[in-house]
N, C-alpha and C. Protein backbone atom coordinates (compact mmCIF):
# COMPACT_ATOMS: atom_id res chain seq x y z
N MET A 1 42.20 13.43 29.73
CA MET A 1 43.00 12.87 28.59
C MET A 1 42.33 13.53 27.26
N ALA A 2 43.10 13.91 26.41
CA ALA A 2 42.54 14.46 25.08
C ALA A 2 42.00 13.41 24.22
N GLY A 3 40.96 13.68 23.47
CA GLY A 3 40.47 12.57 22.56
C GLY A 3 41.39 11.76 21.66
N GLY A 4 41.42 10.54 21.83
CA GLY A 4 42.18 9.63 20.99
C GLY A 4 43.54 9.29 21.58
N SER A 5 44.05 9.94 22.69
CA SER A 5 45.31 9.80 23.13
C SER A 5 45.46 8.39 23.77
N TRP A 6 44.41 7.79 24.26
CA TRP A 6 44.59 6.44 24.71
C TRP A 6 44.88 5.40 23.67
N SER A 7 44.35 5.67 22.42
CA SER A 7 44.65 4.73 21.40
C SER A 7 46.31 4.84 21.06
N VAL A 8 46.73 6.04 21.12
CA VAL A 8 48.20 6.20 20.81
C VAL A 8 48.98 5.62 21.80
N ALA A 9 48.51 5.85 23.10
CA ALA A 9 49.28 5.36 24.36
C ALA A 9 49.46 3.75 24.26
N THR A 10 48.31 3.17 23.97
CA THR A 10 48.23 1.71 24.06
C THR A 10 48.57 0.94 22.69
N GLY A 11 48.68 1.68 21.60
CA GLY A 11 48.92 1.25 20.33
C GLY A 11 47.80 0.47 19.78
N ARG A 12 46.46 0.45 20.30
CA ARG A 12 45.46 -0.23 19.87
C ARG A 12 44.25 0.74 19.69
N GLY A 13 43.22 0.33 19.07
CA GLY A 13 42.10 1.24 18.66
C GLY A 13 41.12 1.16 19.83
N LEU A 14 41.44 1.43 21.04
CA LEU A 14 40.49 1.31 22.27
C LEU A 14 39.61 2.50 22.49
N ASP A 15 38.48 2.25 22.95
CA ASP A 15 37.63 3.48 23.18
C ASP A 15 38.00 3.70 24.72
N PHE A 16 37.25 4.79 25.20
CA PHE A 16 37.77 5.35 26.45
C PHE A 16 37.44 4.24 27.61
N PHE A 17 36.34 3.45 27.48
CA PHE A 17 36.26 2.57 28.59
C PHE A 17 37.24 1.28 28.46
N GLY A 18 37.49 0.99 27.18
CA GLY A 18 38.50 0.02 27.09
C GLY A 18 39.88 0.44 27.52
N PHE A 19 40.19 1.71 27.41
CA PHE A 19 41.40 2.24 27.96
C PHE A 19 41.44 2.19 29.50
N LEU A 20 40.32 2.50 30.07
CA LEU A 20 40.18 2.56 31.54
C LEU A 20 40.42 1.13 32.09
N TYR A 21 39.76 0.08 31.42
CA TYR A 21 39.94 -1.27 31.70
C TYR A 21 41.45 -1.73 31.64
N VAL A 22 42.05 -1.34 30.58
CA VAL A 22 43.42 -1.81 30.31
C VAL A 22 44.34 -1.12 31.49
N CYS A 23 43.96 0.20 31.81
CA CYS A 23 44.89 0.77 32.82
C CYS A 23 44.58 0.25 34.15
N MET A 24 43.44 -0.23 34.59
CA MET A 24 43.13 -0.87 35.70
C MET A 24 43.85 -2.28 35.76
N TYR A 25 43.89 -2.92 34.55
CA TYR A 25 44.58 -4.12 34.50
C TYR A 25 46.12 -3.93 34.77
N ALA A 26 46.57 -2.90 34.20
CA ALA A 26 48.10 -2.60 34.37
C ALA A 26 48.34 -2.36 35.72
N LEU A 27 47.45 -1.66 36.47
CA LEU A 27 47.73 -1.22 37.81
C LEU A 27 47.77 -2.45 38.62
N ARG A 28 46.70 -3.39 38.42
CA ARG A 28 46.68 -4.76 39.15
C ARG A 28 47.83 -5.44 38.94
N LYS A 29 48.31 -5.52 37.76
CA LYS A 29 49.45 -6.34 37.33
C LYS A 29 50.85 -5.68 37.61
N ASN A 30 50.83 -4.43 37.96
CA ASN A 30 51.95 -3.67 38.18
C ASN A 30 52.79 -3.71 37.00
N LEU A 31 52.22 -3.22 35.82
CA LEU A 31 52.93 -3.36 34.53
C LEU A 31 53.32 -1.96 34.06
N THR A 32 54.43 -1.84 33.49
CA THR A 32 54.80 -0.57 32.79
C THR A 32 53.97 -0.42 31.46
N LEU A 33 54.14 0.75 30.86
CA LEU A 33 53.42 0.90 29.65
C LEU A 33 53.96 0.09 28.44
N CYS A 34 55.23 -0.18 28.56
CA CYS A 34 55.85 -1.06 27.52
C CYS A 34 55.38 -2.54 27.66
N ARG A 35 55.48 -3.01 28.89
CA ARG A 35 55.03 -4.41 29.21
C ARG A 35 53.54 -4.56 28.96
N LEU A 36 52.71 -3.46 29.21
CA LEU A 36 51.27 -3.50 29.03
C LEU A 36 50.96 -3.64 27.47
N ALA A 37 51.67 -3.01 26.75
CA ALA A 37 51.39 -3.06 25.33
C ALA A 37 51.68 -4.55 24.75
N ALA A 38 52.64 -5.19 25.35
CA ALA A 38 52.95 -6.71 24.98
C ALA A 38 51.92 -7.51 25.48
N SER A 39 51.28 -7.22 26.82
CA SER A 39 50.59 -8.21 27.39
C SER A 39 49.11 -7.94 26.99
N VAL A 40 48.64 -6.93 26.26
CA VAL A 40 47.30 -6.80 25.90
C VAL A 40 46.85 -7.48 24.70
N GLY A 41 47.81 -8.03 23.95
CA GLY A 41 47.45 -8.65 22.63
C GLY A 41 46.39 -9.72 22.67
N HIS A 42 45.73 -9.90 21.60
CA HIS A 42 44.72 -11.06 21.53
C HIS A 42 45.46 -12.40 21.63
N MET A 43 44.60 -13.30 22.27
CA MET A 43 45.22 -14.69 22.28
C MET A 43 44.96 -15.41 20.82
N THR A 44 46.02 -16.01 20.27
CA THR A 44 45.80 -16.62 19.06
C THR A 44 46.46 -18.11 19.11
N GLY A 45 46.13 -18.83 18.19
CA GLY A 45 46.59 -20.26 18.10
C GLY A 45 45.48 -21.35 18.21
N PRO A 46 45.75 -22.47 17.91
CA PRO A 46 44.70 -23.49 17.91
C PRO A 46 44.12 -23.70 19.32
N LEU A 47 44.90 -23.61 20.39
CA LEU A 47 44.46 -23.95 21.75
C LEU A 47 43.41 -22.88 21.98
N GLU A 48 43.76 -21.57 21.93
CA GLU A 48 42.72 -20.57 22.30
C GLU A 48 41.56 -20.55 21.33
N GLU A 49 41.83 -20.65 20.10
CA GLU A 49 40.64 -20.85 19.07
C GLU A 49 39.67 -21.79 19.52
N SER A 50 40.14 -23.14 19.72
CA SER A 50 39.20 -24.08 20.17
C SER A 50 38.52 -23.77 21.48
N TYR A 51 39.22 -23.24 22.41
CA TYR A 51 38.60 -22.75 23.65
C TYR A 51 37.42 -21.81 23.49
N TYR A 52 37.76 -20.84 22.68
CA TYR A 52 36.70 -19.82 22.35
C TYR A 52 35.49 -20.41 21.58
N ALA A 53 35.83 -21.32 20.72
CA ALA A 53 34.72 -22.02 19.84
C ALA A 53 33.97 -22.98 20.83
N LYS A 54 34.52 -23.50 21.59
CA LYS A 54 33.82 -24.53 22.57
C LYS A 54 32.75 -23.66 23.46
N ASN A 55 33.31 -22.63 23.98
CA ASN A 55 32.59 -21.84 25.08
C ASN A 55 31.91 -20.69 24.42
N ARG A 56 31.67 -20.61 23.23
CA ARG A 56 31.08 -19.48 22.66
C ARG A 56 29.59 -19.24 23.21
N GLU A 57 28.80 -20.35 23.22
CA GLU A 57 27.44 -20.13 23.63
C GLU A 57 27.33 -19.69 25.20
N LYS A 58 28.31 -20.24 25.99
CA LYS A 58 28.30 -19.89 27.51
C LYS A 58 28.65 -18.39 27.56
N ARG A 59 29.70 -18.01 26.70
CA ARG A 59 30.20 -16.59 26.81
C ARG A 59 29.14 -15.59 26.43
N LEU A 60 28.46 -15.97 25.34
CA LEU A 60 27.37 -15.12 24.91
C LEU A 60 26.21 -14.98 25.83
N ALA A 61 25.90 -16.10 26.50
CA ALA A 61 24.78 -16.07 27.35
C ALA A 61 25.29 -15.19 28.71
N TYR A 62 26.54 -15.38 29.09
CA TYR A 62 26.92 -14.56 30.15
C TYR A 62 26.99 -13.07 29.83
N GLN A 63 27.54 -12.69 28.55
CA GLN A 63 27.42 -11.26 28.19
C GLN A 63 25.99 -10.65 28.21
N LYS A 64 25.04 -11.48 27.58
CA LYS A 64 23.74 -11.03 27.62
C LYS A 64 23.19 -10.77 29.14
N LYS A 65 23.48 -11.75 29.91
CA LYS A 65 22.95 -11.67 31.37
C LYS A 65 23.65 -10.41 32.06
N TRP A 66 24.91 -10.24 31.83
CA TRP A 66 25.61 -9.09 32.36
C TRP A 66 24.96 -7.74 31.83
N TYR A 67 24.87 -7.67 30.58
CA TYR A 67 24.31 -6.52 30.06
C TYR A 67 22.92 -6.08 30.63
N ARG A 68 22.08 -7.17 30.71
CA ARG A 68 20.73 -6.89 31.28
C ARG A 68 20.86 -6.43 32.65
N GLU A 69 21.74 -6.97 33.49
CA GLU A 69 21.78 -6.62 34.78
C GLU A 69 22.54 -5.11 34.93
N ASN A 70 23.33 -4.71 33.95
CA ASN A 70 24.23 -3.64 34.19
C ASN A 70 23.95 -2.55 33.16
N ALA A 71 22.82 -2.66 32.36
CA ALA A 71 22.50 -1.73 31.34
C ALA A 71 22.29 -0.21 31.88
N GLU A 72 21.61 -0.11 33.01
CA GLU A 72 21.31 1.09 33.65
C GLU A 72 22.52 1.86 34.06
N HIS A 73 23.59 0.99 34.71
CA HIS A 73 24.64 1.45 35.12
C HIS A 73 25.66 2.10 33.93
N VAL A 74 25.60 1.16 32.92
CA VAL A 74 26.29 1.64 31.67
C VAL A 74 25.82 2.89 31.06
N VAL A 75 24.55 3.04 31.01
CA VAL A 75 23.97 4.35 30.57
C VAL A 75 24.38 5.52 31.46
N ARG A 76 24.36 5.43 32.71
CA ARG A 76 24.68 6.30 33.64
C ARG A 76 26.17 6.80 33.60
N GLN A 77 27.07 5.63 33.32
CA GLN A 77 28.40 6.00 33.27
C GLN A 77 28.62 6.76 31.79
N ARG A 78 28.12 6.37 30.86
CA ARG A 78 28.13 7.21 29.57
C ARG A 78 27.67 8.64 29.66
N GLU A 79 26.61 8.93 30.44
CA GLU A 79 26.08 10.32 30.59
C GLU A 79 27.15 10.96 31.38
N LEU A 80 27.60 10.39 32.45
CA LEU A 80 28.67 11.19 33.20
C LEU A 80 29.92 11.49 32.32
N TRP A 81 30.37 10.46 31.59
CA TRP A 81 31.52 10.71 30.76
C TRP A 81 31.14 11.81 29.76
N GLN A 82 30.02 11.75 29.18
CA GLN A 82 29.66 12.78 28.28
C GLN A 82 29.80 14.15 28.87
N THR A 83 29.34 14.27 30.04
CA THR A 83 29.41 15.61 30.89
C THR A 83 30.76 15.98 31.08
N LEU A 84 31.66 15.05 31.55
CA LEU A 84 32.97 15.41 31.98
C LEU A 84 33.85 15.59 30.82
N GLU A 85 33.76 14.82 29.90
CA GLU A 85 34.71 14.87 28.70
C GLU A 85 33.85 14.69 27.31
N PRO A 86 33.21 15.94 27.04
CA PRO A 86 32.50 15.95 25.83
C PRO A 86 33.20 15.70 24.52
N GLU A 87 34.50 16.26 24.36
CA GLU A 87 35.08 15.84 23.18
C GLU A 87 35.58 14.40 23.00
N ALA A 88 36.10 13.88 24.13
CA ALA A 88 36.45 12.39 23.99
C ALA A 88 35.22 11.59 23.78
N HIS A 89 34.04 12.00 24.40
CA HIS A 89 32.95 11.24 24.17
C HIS A 89 32.47 11.34 22.73
N ALA A 90 32.52 12.39 22.08
CA ALA A 90 32.06 12.58 20.58
C ALA A 90 33.02 11.78 19.76
N HIS A 91 34.21 11.73 20.16
CA HIS A 91 35.25 11.06 19.33
C HIS A 91 34.77 9.47 19.38
N SER A 92 34.68 9.06 20.52
CA SER A 92 34.35 7.72 20.83
C SER A 92 33.04 7.31 20.15
N GLN A 93 32.06 8.11 20.26
CA GLN A 93 30.60 7.88 19.67
C GLN A 93 30.72 7.82 18.18
N LYS A 94 31.67 8.68 17.54
CA LYS A 94 31.76 8.62 16.13
C LYS A 94 32.40 7.36 15.67
N GLY A 95 33.36 6.94 16.43
CA GLY A 95 34.01 5.49 16.19
C GLY A 95 32.97 4.45 16.42
N GLN A 96 32.10 4.52 17.37
CA GLN A 96 31.16 3.47 17.51
C GLN A 96 30.10 3.46 16.44
N ILE A 97 29.75 4.66 15.86
CA ILE A 97 28.78 4.72 14.64
C ILE A 97 29.42 4.05 13.58
N ASP A 98 30.68 4.47 13.29
CA ASP A 98 31.52 3.90 12.16
C ASP A 98 31.52 2.32 12.14
N TYR A 99 31.78 1.87 13.36
CA TYR A 99 31.86 0.44 13.71
C TYR A 99 30.53 -0.23 13.28
N ASN A 100 29.58 0.29 13.85
CA ASN A 100 28.16 -0.20 13.63
C ASN A 100 27.76 -0.33 12.26
N ARG A 101 28.16 0.83 11.49
CA ARG A 101 27.80 0.97 10.08
C ARG A 101 28.55 -0.24 9.33
N ASN A 102 29.78 -0.34 9.55
CA ASN A 102 30.65 -1.47 8.77
C ASN A 102 30.08 -2.75 9.23
N TYR A 103 29.87 -2.95 10.52
CA TYR A 103 29.39 -4.26 10.78
C TYR A 103 28.02 -4.70 10.15
N TYR A 104 27.13 -3.69 10.13
CA TYR A 104 25.83 -4.10 9.48
C TYR A 104 26.11 -4.26 8.09
N ALA A 105 26.94 -3.55 7.34
CA ALA A 105 27.15 -3.89 5.82
C ALA A 105 27.92 -5.11 5.59
N GLU A 106 28.72 -5.62 6.54
CA GLU A 106 29.41 -6.80 6.43
C GLU A 106 28.36 -8.15 6.75
N ASN A 107 27.49 -7.83 7.64
CA ASN A 107 26.58 -8.98 8.16
C ASN A 107 25.14 -8.68 7.72
N LYS A 108 24.80 -7.92 6.75
CA LYS A 108 23.41 -7.49 6.48
C LYS A 108 22.58 -8.80 6.22
N ALA A 109 22.99 -9.69 5.32
CA ALA A 109 22.14 -10.87 5.01
C ALA A 109 21.83 -11.67 6.24
N ARG A 110 22.85 -11.81 7.16
CA ARG A 110 22.69 -12.64 8.37
C ARG A 110 21.62 -11.93 9.30
N ILE A 111 21.84 -10.66 9.54
CA ILE A 111 21.01 -9.79 10.28
C ILE A 111 19.57 -9.75 9.88
N ASN A 112 19.33 -9.55 8.70
CA ASN A 112 18.00 -9.57 8.02
C ASN A 112 17.29 -11.04 8.14
N LEU A 113 18.18 -12.00 7.89
CA LEU A 113 17.46 -13.43 8.24
C LEU A 113 17.05 -13.50 9.56
N LYS A 114 17.96 -13.12 10.61
CA LYS A 114 17.55 -13.32 12.00
C LYS A 114 16.38 -12.39 12.37
N ARG A 115 16.27 -11.28 11.72
CA ARG A 115 15.12 -10.48 11.98
C ARG A 115 13.83 -11.00 11.43
N LYS A 116 13.97 -11.73 10.25
CA LYS A 116 12.72 -12.31 9.76
C LYS A 116 12.22 -13.57 10.68
N GLU A 117 13.32 -14.19 11.12
CA GLU A 117 12.94 -15.36 11.99
C GLU A 117 12.28 -14.78 13.30
N THR A 118 12.77 -13.79 13.84
CA THR A 118 12.30 -13.29 15.08
C THR A 118 10.83 -12.69 14.81
N LYS A 119 10.53 -12.03 13.68
CA LYS A 119 9.21 -11.48 13.33
C LYS A 119 8.34 -12.73 13.24
N ALA A 120 8.69 -13.78 12.56
CA ALA A 120 8.01 -15.04 12.46
C ALA A 120 7.58 -15.64 13.69
N LYS A 121 8.44 -15.67 14.57
CA LYS A 121 8.24 -16.26 15.93
C LYS A 121 7.34 -15.33 16.66
N GLN A 122 7.48 -14.10 16.60
CA GLN A 122 6.62 -13.22 17.35
C GLN A 122 5.12 -13.19 16.72
N LYS A 123 5.09 -13.40 15.48
CA LYS A 123 3.68 -13.37 14.83
C LYS A 123 2.92 -14.73 15.29
N LEU A 124 3.66 -15.93 15.45
CA LEU A 124 3.24 -17.21 15.76
C LEU A 124 2.82 -16.95 17.33
N ALA A 125 3.61 -16.50 18.08
CA ALA A 125 3.29 -16.29 19.50
C ALA A 125 1.98 -15.38 19.63
N ARG A 126 1.84 -14.34 18.92
CA ARG A 126 0.72 -13.51 18.95
C ARG A 126 -0.56 -14.26 18.61
N GLU A 127 -0.43 -15.08 17.54
CA GLU A 127 -1.56 -15.92 16.94
C GLU A 127 -2.01 -16.99 18.13
N GLN A 128 -1.05 -17.64 18.76
CA GLN A 128 -1.19 -18.50 19.78
C GLN A 128 -1.91 -17.84 20.91
N ARG A 129 -1.51 -16.73 21.38
CA ARG A 129 -2.16 -16.03 22.35
C ARG A 129 -3.53 -15.60 21.99
N ARG A 130 -3.73 -15.16 20.94
CA ARG A 130 -5.09 -14.80 20.28
C ARG A 130 -6.01 -16.09 20.42
N LEU A 131 -5.51 -17.13 19.98
CA LEU A 131 -6.34 -18.38 20.02
C LEU A 131 -6.65 -18.81 21.56
N ILE A 132 -5.70 -18.81 22.38
CA ILE A 132 -5.83 -19.16 23.76
C ILE A 132 -6.90 -18.32 24.40
N ALA A 133 -6.93 -16.96 24.01
CA ALA A 133 -7.71 -15.95 24.65
C ALA A 133 -9.06 -16.25 24.10
N SER A 134 -9.17 -16.53 22.89
CA SER A 134 -10.69 -16.75 22.26
C SER A 134 -11.14 -18.08 22.89
N ALA A 135 -10.48 -19.19 23.02
CA ALA A 135 -10.74 -20.40 23.62
C ALA A 135 -11.15 -20.20 25.00
N GLU A 136 -10.45 -19.40 25.83
CA GLU A 136 -10.87 -19.11 27.29
C GLU A 136 -12.20 -18.40 27.19
N GLY A 137 -12.36 -17.40 26.28
CA GLY A 137 -13.61 -16.66 26.19
C GLY A 137 -14.82 -17.54 25.90
N ALA A 138 -14.61 -18.49 25.08
CA ALA A 138 -15.61 -19.56 24.68
C ALA A 138 -15.95 -20.34 25.89
N ILE A 139 -14.95 -20.79 26.58
CA ILE A 139 -15.17 -21.66 27.68
C ILE A 139 -15.88 -20.93 28.82
N GLY A 140 -15.34 -19.72 29.26
CA GLY A 140 -15.73 -18.84 30.39
C GLY A 140 -16.94 -18.26 30.06
C-alpha cells in the first residue's frame, strides 16, 4: 500500500498499524468499506464519556502493563515494517514526530511539572538509600 492511502481509504488519519487493526476488525465483523467507515467512529455522548472517565485509571494501568510486556515486539514490528515499506514508514514517522511536537507544545506546563515531581521523588529516594547505606555501614 502506498504511503497515506490507508488514511484516504478509511477517511481517518490512521497510521499503518491503526489501518491494519481496522482492517482486521472489518474482516472479523465481515464489514464492507462503507460500513467500516461508519462503524469506526469514536464513541460520544454522556454514557460513553462517563464510562471512560470512571475507568481512566484502570485503562492507563492496563496500557502501561501491555506496553511493558510487548515493547520488544512493537520494536521488532516497526523494524520489519521499515524494511518492507520504507516510504510508508517514513510518512508515518513524520506524522508521529509532528503529533509529539504538537502534544508537547499544548501540554508543556503539565509535562514539566510532572518531570519536576519525578526528579524530586528520585532525589528523595537517592537520599534515603544513601542514609540507609551509611546507617548499615555504621552498624556493621
